[in-house]
Amino acid sequence: MKAFFSGSIRGGNKYRSSYLKILAFLKHYGDIISEHSSQQKDCDDQGLSGDGAIYARDIRWIGDADLLIAEVSQPSIGVGYEIAYAEARDIPVLALYHLGAETPMSAMISGNPRITSIRYRSLSELWPLLKEKLAESGF
């Protein structure tokens, strides 16, 4: 199975270190097709020329995914767009939300019955919850 990992990149890097740890965890369960999220750069351009190329790449990757996993603790228009795009294509979505975040989880995410949400206080608390949800989704 393949998963697309989504997290705020241009909208803020507050959770960058958490993204890296989550990506490392996820690699034990399947293929992660959005490796750009793990790079230590402010943006995820990977040498692509322009926002259009980044958009086309990410849309292709989401279309190839069996599951979209989004860390939604840092509000991001791009992450919301990726979630809606996946949902419109019947790709299951798993939203991760840190309970210490500065803003509440979007009602459009937490209130959506088609999105599975995991709320966590620490990464050590996240691991067993995430493992359980991945098993349920067949990942």
N, C-alpha and C. Protein backbone atom coordinates (compact mmCIF):
# COMPACT_ATOMS: atom_id res chain seq x y z
N MET A 1 0.83 -1.18 0.00
CA MET A 1 0.00 0.00 0.00
C MET A 1 0.88 1.25 0.00
N LYS A 2 0.30 2.32 -0.53
CA LYS A 2 1.01 3.58 -0.62
C LYS A 2 0.24 4.67 0.12
N ALA A 3 0.96 5.49 0.85
CA ALA A 3 0.33 6.60 1.57
C ALA A 3 0.98 7.92 1.15
N PHE A 4 0.17 8.95 1.10
CA PHE A 4 0.63 10.31 0.89
C PHE A 4 0.58 11.00 2.24
N PHE A 5 1.70 11.55 2.69
CA PHE A 5 1.73 12.28 3.95
C PHE A 5 1.65 13.76 3.66
N SER A 6 0.75 14.44 4.36
CA SER A 6 0.52 15.87 4.17
C SER A 6 0.72 16.60 5.49
N GLY A 7 1.41 17.74 5.40
CA GLY A 7 1.61 18.60 6.56
C GLY A 7 1.95 19.99 6.09
N SER A 8 1.69 20.97 6.91
CA SER A 8 1.96 22.36 6.55
C SER A 8 3.44 22.57 6.28
N ILE A 9 3.75 23.09 5.11
CA ILE A 9 5.14 23.39 4.77
C ILE A 9 5.31 24.90 4.66
N ARG A 10 4.63 25.51 3.75
CA ARG A 10 4.75 26.96 3.60
C ARG A 10 3.97 27.71 4.67
N GLY A 11 2.95 27.09 5.22
CA GLY A 11 2.12 27.74 6.23
C GLY A 11 2.74 27.79 7.61
N GLY A 12 3.88 27.17 7.78
CA GLY A 12 4.55 27.16 9.07
C GLY A 12 5.25 25.84 9.31
N ASN A 13 6.39 25.89 9.90
CA ASN A 13 7.20 24.70 10.12
C ASN A 13 7.25 24.27 11.58
N LYS A 14 6.29 24.70 12.37
CA LYS A 14 6.30 24.40 13.80
C LYS A 14 6.37 22.89 14.07
N TYR A 15 5.75 22.10 13.22
CA TYR A 15 5.68 20.66 13.46
C TYR A 15 6.65 19.86 12.59
N ARG A 16 7.63 20.52 11.98
CA ARG A 16 8.57 19.85 11.08
C ARG A 16 9.24 18.64 11.74
N SER A 17 9.72 18.80 12.96
CA SER A 17 10.40 17.66 13.61
C SER A 17 9.42 16.51 13.85
N SER A 18 8.18 16.83 14.16
CA SER A 18 7.18 15.77 14.32
C SER A 18 6.91 15.08 12.99
N TYR A 19 6.85 15.84 11.89
CA TYR A 19 6.63 15.24 10.57
C TYR A 19 7.70 14.19 10.28
N LEU A 20 8.95 14.55 10.58
CA LEU A 20 10.06 13.63 10.30
C LEU A 20 9.92 12.34 11.10
N LYS A 21 9.52 12.46 12.35
CA LYS A 21 9.35 11.27 13.19
C LYS A 21 8.15 10.45 12.73
N ILE A 22 7.08 11.12 12.35
CA ILE A 22 5.89 10.41 11.84
C ILE A 22 6.23 9.69 10.55
N LEU A 23 6.95 10.35 9.64
CA LEU A 23 7.35 9.71 8.39
C LEU A 23 8.22 8.48 8.65
N ALA A 24 9.15 8.59 9.58
CA ALA A 24 10.01 7.44 9.92
C ALA A 24 9.16 6.28 10.44
N PHE A 25 8.17 6.59 11.27
CA PHE A 25 7.26 5.56 11.79
C PHE A 25 6.48 4.91 10.66
N LEU A 26 5.92 5.74 9.77
CA LEU A 26 5.08 5.24 8.68
C LEU A 26 5.83 4.34 7.71
N LYS A 27 7.12 4.60 7.52
CA LYS A 27 7.91 3.80 6.58
C LYS A 27 7.97 2.34 6.98
N HIS A 28 7.70 2.02 8.23
CA HIS A 28 7.68 0.63 8.68
C HIS A 28 6.42 -0.09 8.23
N TYR A 29 5.44 0.64 7.74
CA TYR A 29 4.15 0.05 7.41
C TYR A 29 3.83 0.03 5.92
N GLY A 30 4.54 0.79 5.12
CA GLY A 30 4.26 0.82 3.69
C GLY A 30 5.05 1.91 3.01
N ASP A 31 4.74 2.13 1.75
CA ASP A 31 5.44 3.14 0.96
C ASP A 31 4.84 4.52 1.21
N ILE A 32 5.70 5.48 1.46
CA ILE A 32 5.29 6.88 1.61
C ILE A 32 5.71 7.58 0.32
N ILE A 33 4.74 8.09 -0.42
CA ILE A 33 5.05 8.64 -1.74
C ILE A 33 5.18 10.15 -1.74
N SER A 34 5.30 10.74 -0.58
CA SER A 34 5.47 12.20 -0.50
C SER A 34 6.71 12.53 0.31
N GLU A 35 7.82 11.98 -0.12
CA GLU A 35 9.08 12.15 0.61
C GLU A 35 9.51 13.60 0.74
N HIS A 36 8.99 14.49 -0.10
CA HIS A 36 9.35 15.90 0.01
C HIS A 36 9.04 16.45 1.39
N SER A 37 8.08 15.87 2.09
CA SER A 37 7.72 16.34 3.42
C SER A 37 8.83 16.12 4.43
N SER A 38 9.75 15.23 4.11
CA SER A 38 10.82 14.93 5.07
C SER A 38 12.07 15.76 4.84
N GLN A 39 12.09 16.56 3.82
CA GLN A 39 13.30 17.32 3.54
C GLN A 39 13.43 18.50 4.49
N GLN A 40 14.65 18.87 4.79
CA GLN A 40 14.92 19.97 5.70
C GLN A 40 14.98 21.30 4.95
N LYS A 41 14.01 21.56 4.13
CA LYS A 41 13.96 22.81 3.38
C LYS A 41 12.71 23.57 3.79
N ASP A 42 12.72 24.87 3.58
CA ASP A 42 11.55 25.67 3.90
C ASP A 42 10.40 25.37 2.97
N CYS A 43 10.69 25.03 1.74
CA CYS A 43 9.67 24.68 0.76
C CYS A 43 10.01 23.32 0.18
N ASP A 44 9.06 22.74 -0.49
CA ASP A 44 9.23 21.39 -0.99
C ASP A 44 9.42 21.37 -2.50
N ASP A 45 10.16 22.31 -3.05
CA ASP A 45 10.24 22.42 -4.50
C ASP A 45 11.10 21.35 -5.17
N GLN A 46 12.04 20.74 -4.47
CA GLN A 46 12.90 19.69 -5.02
C GLN A 46 13.41 20.04 -6.41
N GLY A 47 13.70 21.28 -6.67
CA GLY A 47 14.19 21.67 -7.97
C GLY A 47 13.11 21.85 -9.02
N LEU A 48 11.86 21.67 -8.64
CA LEU A 48 10.78 21.87 -9.60
C LEU A 48 10.67 23.34 -9.92
N SER A 49 10.34 23.65 -11.16
CA SER A 49 10.23 25.05 -11.54
C SER A 49 8.79 25.51 -11.44
N GLY A 50 8.49 26.22 -10.38
CA GLY A 50 7.20 26.85 -10.22
C GLY A 50 6.18 26.06 -9.43
N ASP A 51 5.22 26.82 -8.94
CA ASP A 51 4.16 26.23 -8.13
C ASP A 51 3.32 25.24 -8.93
N GLY A 52 3.16 25.49 -10.24
CA GLY A 52 2.37 24.59 -11.08
C GLY A 52 2.95 23.19 -11.12
N ALA A 53 4.27 23.09 -11.15
CA ALA A 53 4.92 21.78 -11.18
C ALA A 53 4.74 21.07 -9.83
N ILE A 54 4.82 21.82 -8.74
CA ILE A 54 4.61 21.23 -7.41
C ILE A 54 3.17 20.72 -7.30
N TYR A 55 2.22 21.55 -7.75
CA TYR A 55 0.81 21.15 -7.73
C TYR A 55 0.60 19.86 -8.52
N ALA A 56 1.10 19.81 -9.76
CA ALA A 56 0.89 18.65 -10.62
C ALA A 56 1.49 17.39 -10.00
N ARG A 57 2.69 17.53 -9.41
CA ARG A 57 3.34 16.38 -8.77
C ARG A 57 2.52 15.87 -7.59
N ASP A 58 2.10 16.79 -6.72
CA ASP A 58 1.36 16.37 -5.53
C ASP A 58 0.00 15.78 -5.88
N ILE A 59 -0.68 16.33 -6.86
CA ILE A 59 -1.97 15.78 -7.30
C ILE A 59 -1.77 14.37 -7.86
N ARG A 60 -0.70 14.18 -8.62
CA ARG A 60 -0.40 12.84 -9.16
C ARG A 60 -0.13 11.87 -8.01
N TRP A 61 0.68 12.31 -7.04
CA TRP A 61 0.99 11.44 -5.91
C TRP A 61 -0.26 11.09 -5.11
N ILE A 62 -1.11 12.06 -4.85
CA ILE A 62 -2.35 11.77 -4.10
C ILE A 62 -3.20 10.77 -4.87
N GLY A 63 -3.29 10.94 -6.19
CA GLY A 63 -4.06 10.02 -7.01
C GLY A 63 -3.52 8.60 -6.98
N ASP A 64 -2.22 8.45 -6.75
CA ASP A 64 -1.59 7.14 -6.67
C ASP A 64 -1.68 6.52 -5.28
N ALA A 65 -2.14 7.28 -4.29
CA ALA A 65 -2.14 6.82 -2.90
C ALA A 65 -3.36 5.97 -2.57
N ASP A 66 -3.15 5.05 -1.64
CA ASP A 66 -4.24 4.26 -1.08
C ASP A 66 -4.80 4.90 0.18
N LEU A 67 -4.03 5.84 0.75
CA LEU A 67 -4.38 6.48 2.00
C LEU A 67 -3.69 7.84 2.07
N LEU A 68 -4.38 8.86 2.55
CA LEU A 68 -3.75 10.15 2.81
C LEU A 68 -3.71 10.35 4.32
N ILE A 69 -2.52 10.60 4.83
CA ILE A 69 -2.34 10.87 6.26
C ILE A 69 -1.93 12.33 6.38
N ALA A 70 -2.73 13.11 7.09
CA ALA A 70 -2.47 14.55 7.21
C ALA A 70 -2.25 14.92 8.66
N GLU A 71 -1.16 15.62 8.93
CA GLU A 71 -0.93 16.19 10.26
C GLU A 71 -1.55 17.59 10.19
N VAL A 72 -2.64 17.79 10.93
CA VAL A 72 -3.46 19.00 10.79
C VAL A 72 -3.35 19.96 11.97
N SER A 73 -2.33 19.82 12.79
CA SER A 73 -2.18 20.69 13.96
C SER A 73 -1.85 22.13 13.58
N GLN A 74 -1.15 22.32 12.48
CA GLN A 74 -0.84 23.65 11.96
C GLN A 74 -1.79 23.91 10.80
N PRO A 75 -2.73 24.87 10.94
CA PRO A 75 -3.67 25.13 9.84
C PRO A 75 -2.93 25.43 8.53
N SER A 76 -3.46 24.87 7.44
CA SER A 76 -2.83 25.03 6.14
C SER A 76 -3.88 24.89 5.04
N ILE A 77 -3.96 25.88 4.19
CA ILE A 77 -4.88 25.80 3.05
C ILE A 77 -4.50 24.64 2.15
N GLY A 78 -3.20 24.45 1.93
CA GLY A 78 -2.74 23.37 1.06
C GLY A 78 -3.11 22.00 1.60
N VAL A 79 -2.94 21.78 2.89
CA VAL A 79 -3.29 20.50 3.49
C VAL A 79 -4.80 20.28 3.38
N GLY A 80 -5.58 21.31 3.63
CA GLY A 80 -7.03 21.19 3.48
C GLY A 80 -7.42 20.84 2.05
N TYR A 81 -6.75 21.45 1.10
CA TYR A 81 -7.01 21.15 -0.32
C TYR A 81 -6.67 19.69 -0.61
N GLU A 82 -5.53 19.23 -0.13
CA GLU A 82 -5.13 17.84 -0.37
C GLU A 82 -6.12 16.86 0.25
N ILE A 83 -6.61 17.18 1.43
CA ILE A 83 -7.60 16.32 2.08
C ILE A 83 -8.88 16.27 1.24
N ALA A 84 -9.36 17.42 0.81
CA ALA A 84 -10.60 17.46 0.01
C ALA A 84 -10.40 16.73 -1.32
N TYR A 85 -9.24 16.88 -1.92
CA TYR A 85 -8.94 16.21 -3.18
C TYR A 85 -8.98 14.69 -2.99
N ALA A 86 -8.36 14.21 -1.93
CA ALA A 86 -8.37 12.78 -1.64
C ALA A 86 -9.79 12.29 -1.36
N GLU A 87 -10.51 13.03 -0.55
CA GLU A 87 -11.88 12.63 -0.21
C GLU A 87 -12.76 12.54 -1.46
N ALA A 88 -12.61 13.49 -2.37
CA ALA A 88 -13.40 13.49 -3.61
C ALA A 88 -13.09 12.28 -4.48
N ARG A 89 -11.94 11.68 -4.28
CA ARG A 89 -11.54 10.50 -5.05
C ARG A 89 -11.66 9.21 -4.24
N ASP A 90 -12.38 9.27 -3.14
CA ASP A 90 -12.62 8.12 -2.27
C ASP A 90 -11.33 7.50 -1.73
N ILE A 91 -10.33 8.34 -1.52
CA ILE A 91 -9.09 7.90 -0.87
C ILE A 91 -9.27 8.16 0.62
N PRO A 92 -9.17 7.14 1.45
CA PRO A 92 -9.34 7.34 2.89
C PRO A 92 -8.36 8.38 3.44
N VAL A 93 -8.84 9.14 4.43
CA VAL A 93 -8.04 10.19 5.05
C VAL A 93 -7.95 9.94 6.55
N LEU A 94 -6.73 10.04 7.05
CA LEU A 94 -6.45 9.93 8.47
C LEU A 94 -5.83 11.25 8.91
N ALA A 95 -6.49 11.96 9.81
CA ALA A 95 -6.01 13.27 10.28
C ALA A 95 -5.42 13.15 11.67
N LEU A 96 -4.21 13.66 11.84
CA LEU A 96 -3.50 13.63 13.12
C LEU A 96 -3.51 15.04 13.70
N TYR A 97 -3.88 15.15 14.98
CA TYR A 97 -3.98 16.47 15.60
C TYR A 97 -3.36 16.45 16.99
N HIS A 98 -2.37 17.33 17.21
CA HIS A 98 -1.71 17.45 18.50
C HIS A 98 -2.58 18.30 19.43
N LEU A 99 -2.92 17.76 20.58
CA LEU A 99 -3.81 18.46 21.52
C LEU A 99 -3.20 19.72 22.11
N GLY A 100 -1.92 19.93 21.94
CA GLY A 100 -1.27 21.15 22.42
C GLY A 100 -1.19 22.23 21.35
N ALA A 101 -1.85 22.03 20.23
CA ALA A 101 -1.78 22.99 19.13
C ALA A 101 -2.38 24.33 19.55
N GLU A 102 -1.90 25.39 18.90
CA GLU A 102 -2.36 26.74 19.23
C GLU A 102 -3.79 27.01 18.76
N THR A 103 -4.24 26.29 17.76
CA THR A 103 -5.60 26.49 17.24
C THR A 103 -6.36 25.17 17.30
N PRO A 104 -7.67 25.25 17.46
CA PRO A 104 -8.46 24.02 17.48
C PRO A 104 -8.47 23.35 16.10
N MET A 105 -8.74 22.06 16.09
CA MET A 105 -8.85 21.34 14.83
C MET A 105 -10.03 21.90 14.05
N SER A 106 -9.86 22.05 12.76
CA SER A 106 -10.93 22.56 11.90
C SER A 106 -12.18 21.69 12.03
N ALA A 107 -13.33 22.33 12.16
CA ALA A 107 -14.60 21.60 12.22
C ALA A 107 -14.85 20.84 10.92
N MET A 108 -14.29 21.33 9.82
CA MET A 108 -14.46 20.65 8.54
C MET A 108 -13.71 19.32 8.51
N ILE A 109 -12.73 19.17 9.38
CA ILE A 109 -12.01 17.91 9.51
C ILE A 109 -12.64 17.07 10.62
N SER A 110 -12.74 17.64 11.81
CA SER A 110 -13.24 16.87 12.95
C SER A 110 -14.71 16.49 12.81
N GLY A 111 -15.47 17.28 12.09
CA GLY A 111 -16.89 16.98 11.92
C GLY A 111 -17.21 16.11 10.72
N ASN A 112 -16.22 15.79 9.91
CA ASN A 112 -16.45 15.00 8.70
C ASN A 112 -16.44 13.51 9.05
N PRO A 113 -17.57 12.83 8.87
CA PRO A 113 -17.62 11.40 9.22
C PRO A 113 -16.76 10.52 8.32
N ARG A 114 -16.29 11.05 7.20
CA ARG A 114 -15.47 10.25 6.28
C ARG A 114 -13.97 10.38 6.59
N ILE A 115 -13.63 11.22 7.56
CA ILE A 115 -12.23 11.39 7.95
C ILE A 115 -12.04 10.81 9.34
N THR A 116 -11.05 9.96 9.47
CA THR A 116 -10.70 9.39 10.77
C THR A 116 -9.69 10.32 11.43
N SER A 117 -9.99 10.76 12.64
CA SER A 117 -9.10 11.67 13.36
C SER A 117 -8.45 10.96 14.53
N ILE A 118 -7.19 11.28 14.74
CA ILE A 118 -6.46 10.83 15.92
C ILE A 118 -5.96 12.07 16.63
N ARG A 119 -6.37 12.23 17.87
CA ARG A 119 -5.88 13.33 18.70
C ARG A 119 -4.86 12.77 19.67
N TYR A 120 -3.72 13.46 19.82
CA TYR A 120 -2.65 12.93 20.66
C TYR A 120 -1.97 14.06 21.42
N ARG A 121 -1.40 13.71 22.58
CA ARG A 121 -0.67 14.67 23.41
C ARG A 121 0.84 14.62 23.19
N SER A 122 1.32 13.46 22.78
CA SER A 122 2.75 13.28 22.54
C SER A 122 2.92 12.24 21.45
N LEU A 123 4.09 12.22 20.85
CA LEU A 123 4.33 11.21 19.82
C LEU A 123 4.30 9.81 20.40
N SER A 124 4.76 9.64 21.64
CA SER A 124 4.70 8.31 22.24
C SER A 124 3.25 7.85 22.43
N GLU A 125 2.35 8.79 22.63
CA GLU A 125 0.93 8.45 22.71
C GLU A 125 0.36 8.19 21.31
N LEU A 126 0.91 8.87 20.30
CA LEU A 126 0.42 8.70 18.93
C LEU A 126 0.72 7.32 18.37
N TRP A 127 1.91 6.78 18.62
CA TRP A 127 2.34 5.55 17.95
C TRP A 127 1.34 4.41 18.05
N PRO A 128 0.86 4.01 19.24
CA PRO A 128 -0.08 2.89 19.28
C PRO A 128 -1.43 3.23 18.62
N LEU A 129 -1.86 4.48 18.74
CA LEU A 129 -3.11 4.89 18.10
C LEU A 129 -2.99 4.82 16.58
N LEU A 130 -1.88 5.31 16.08
CA LEU A 130 -1.64 5.31 14.64
C LEU A 130 -1.49 3.88 14.13
N LYS A 131 -0.77 3.06 14.86
CA LYS A 131 -0.59 1.66 14.47
C LYS A 131 -1.95 0.96 14.34
N GLU A 132 -2.83 1.21 15.30
CA GLU A 132 -4.17 0.60 15.28
C GLU A 132 -4.97 1.06 14.06
N LYS A 133 -4.96 2.36 13.78
CA LYS A 133 -5.72 2.89 12.64
C LYS A 133 -5.14 2.41 11.31
N LEU A 134 -3.82 2.31 11.23
CA LEU A 134 -3.20 1.79 9.99
C LEU A 134 -3.61 0.35 9.76
N ALA A 135 -3.66 -0.44 10.82
CA ALA A 135 -4.08 -1.85 10.69
C ALA A 135 -5.53 -1.92 10.22
N GLU A 136 -6.38 -1.07 10.77
CA GLU A 136 -7.79 -1.05 10.37
C GLU A 136 -7.96 -0.68 8.90
N SER A 137 -7.08 0.19 8.41
CA SER A 137 -7.18 0.63 7.01
C SER A 137 -6.46 -0.31 6.05
N GLY A 138 -5.79 -1.32 6.58
CA GLY A 138 -5.08 -2.28 5.73
C GLY A 138 -3.72 -1.82 5.29
N PHE A 139 -3.22 -0.76 5.90
CA PHE A 139 -1.91 -0.23 5.51
C PHE A 139 -0.82 -0.99 6.20
